[in-house]
Amino acid sequence: MDEFKQAFADRISEITVAFVKVAEYRFKHENLRINEPPELGIKVYKDWDGQFTYTLSHHYHGSSQSAPYMSSKTGGFNTLKEALEKAKNDLFPCGHYSASDTKADRWVKNPDF
């Protein structure tokens, strides 16, 4: 972040937000169906204040849900481990995720990933 400040010091008056990608994970899940993505992904970033935030490649959409599950809290974590635990819970939301839900749209691609 300091490098950015130094490089742009004469061009900007204030930095409103900055993120640095600290990790990216892509993985397969044993219960993916043929019409589903070959892999899921998580990107983790660290913000200006040292907090971790993440984005997911897909959001789970079970047949009992009206829309894919998207958490309202994806940032503000103190450690990478906390961010990854929350990301895991968002990919496989408790009470919604079911490997046997044959009517589910399952994972819907996140166009911003």
Protein backbone atom coordinates (compact mmCIF):
# COMPACT_ATOMS: atom_id res chain seq x y z
CA MET A 1 0.00 0.00 0.00
CA ASP A 2 2.85 2.37 0.79
CA GLU A 3 4.20 1.83 -2.72
CA PHE A 4 0.87 2.98 -4.14
CA LYS A 5 0.86 6.11 -1.99
CA GLN A 6 4.39 6.98 -3.09
CA ALA A 7 3.75 6.32 -6.77
CA PHE A 8 0.54 8.37 -6.90
CA ALA A 9 1.23 11.02 -4.25
CA ASP A 10 1.26 13.83 -6.80
CA ARG A 11 -1.92 12.64 -8.59
CA ILE A 12 -4.42 11.83 -5.85
CA SER A 13 -5.75 13.65 -2.82
CA GLU A 14 -7.22 10.69 -0.93
CA ILE A 15 -7.31 6.93 -1.25
CA THR A 16 -10.84 5.79 -0.43
CA VAL A 17 -10.29 2.03 -0.51
CA ALA A 18 -7.51 -0.34 -1.46
CA PHE A 19 -7.25 -4.13 -1.52
CA VAL A 20 -4.35 -6.49 -2.09
CA LYS A 21 -5.10 -10.06 -3.16
CA VAL A 22 -3.43 -12.37 -0.66
CA ALA A 23 -4.77 -15.73 -1.80
CA GLU A 24 -6.77 -17.45 -4.52
CA TYR A 25 -8.04 -21.00 -4.23
CA ARG A 26 -9.68 -23.15 -6.90
CA PHE A 27 -10.92 -26.60 -6.05
CA LYS A 28 -13.27 -29.40 -7.03
CA HIS A 29 -16.11 -30.62 -4.89
CA GLU A 30 -17.00 -34.29 -4.82
CA ASN A 31 -20.73 -33.68 -5.31
CA LEU A 32 -20.58 -31.44 -8.37
CA ARG A 33 -22.92 -32.61 -11.07
CA ILE A 34 -21.98 -32.77 -14.75
CA ASN A 35 -23.76 -29.50 -15.65
CA GLU A 36 -22.04 -27.64 -12.83
CA PRO A 37 -18.74 -25.79 -12.83
CA PRO A 38 -15.60 -27.91 -12.97
CA GLU A 39 -14.31 -26.04 -9.96
CA LEU A 40 -15.24 -23.52 -7.31
CA GLY A 41 -13.06 -20.62 -6.23
CA ILE A 42 -12.34 -18.17 -3.44
CA LYS A 43 -10.29 -14.97 -3.68
CA VAL A 44 -9.15 -13.35 -0.44
CA TYR A 45 -8.01 -9.74 -0.16
CA LYS A 46 -6.51 -7.61 2.60
CA ASP A 47 -7.78 -4.06 2.90
CA TRP A 48 -6.13 -0.82 3.92
CA ASP A 49 -6.82 -1.51 7.61
CA GLY A 50 -5.42 -5.05 7.55
CA GLN A 51 -8.85 -6.72 7.49
CA PHE A 52 -9.59 -9.67 5.21
CA THR A 53 -12.45 -9.88 2.72
CA TYR A 54 -13.35 -12.51 0.11
CA THR A 55 -15.27 -13.16 -3.08
CA LEU A 56 -16.68 -16.46 -4.28
CA SER A 57 -16.74 -17.84 -7.81
CA HIS A 58 -20.26 -19.22 -7.32
CA HIS A 59 -23.24 -18.88 -4.97
CA TYR A 60 -25.32 -21.86 -3.88
CA HIS A 61 -28.96 -21.94 -5.04
CA GLY A 62 -30.97 -24.75 -3.49
CA SER A 63 -34.43 -25.69 -4.74
CA SER A 64 -36.04 -24.33 -1.55
CA GLN A 65 -34.44 -20.89 -2.05
CA SER A 66 -35.94 -18.11 -4.18
CA ALA A 67 -32.43 -16.89 -5.16
CA PRO A 68 -28.81 -17.94 -4.68
CA TYR A 69 -27.48 -17.55 -1.14
CA MET A 70 -25.29 -14.43 -0.82
CA SER A 71 -23.96 -13.44 2.56
CA SER A 72 -24.26 -9.83 3.67
CA LYS A 73 -20.89 -10.11 5.47
CA THR A 74 -17.89 -10.98 3.33
CA GLY A 75 -15.30 -8.71 4.94
CA GLY A 76 -13.93 -7.35 8.17
CA PHE A 77 -12.18 -10.54 9.28
CA ASN A 78 -9.05 -10.36 11.42
CA THR A 79 -7.32 -13.41 9.96
CA LEU A 80 -7.13 -15.33 6.70
CA LYS A 81 -8.47 -18.38 8.54
CA GLU A 82 -11.61 -16.49 9.67
CA ALA A 83 -12.26 -15.30 6.11
CA LEU A 84 -11.84 -18.84 4.71
CA GLU A 85 -14.15 -20.37 7.33
CA LYS A 86 -16.85 -17.83 6.45
CA ALA A 87 -16.30 -18.39 2.72
CA LYS A 88 -16.71 -22.15 3.22
CA ASN A 89 -19.96 -21.56 5.10
CA ASP A 90 -21.19 -19.33 2.27
CA LEU A 91 -20.38 -21.88 -0.44
CA PHE A 92 -22.13 -24.64 1.53
CA PRO A 93 -24.71 -22.71 3.60
CA CYS A 94 -25.98 -24.63 6.62
CA GLY A 95 -29.66 -25.35 6.32
CA HIS A 96 -29.67 -24.77 2.54
CA TYR A 97 -26.90 -26.91 1.03
CA SER A 98 -27.80 -30.48 0.15
CA ALA A 99 -25.76 -32.76 -2.09
CA SER A 100 -28.93 -34.75 -2.79
CA ASP A 101 -31.06 -31.76 -3.85
CA THR A 102 -31.61 -32.86 -7.47
CA LYS A 103 -33.94 -29.93 -8.25
CA ALA A 104 -31.42 -27.32 -7.15
CA ASP A 105 -29.73 -24.93 -9.55
CA ARG A 106 -26.77 -25.56 -7.23
CA TRP A 107 -23.91 -23.14 -7.82
CA VAL A 108 -24.67 -20.01 -9.82
CA LYS A 109 -21.62 -18.26 -11.30
CA ASN A 110 -20.61 -14.94 -9.77
CA PRO A 111 -19.96 -12.65 -12.77
CA ASP A 112 -17.69 -10.43 -10.63
CA PHE A 113 -15.23 -13.20 -9.72
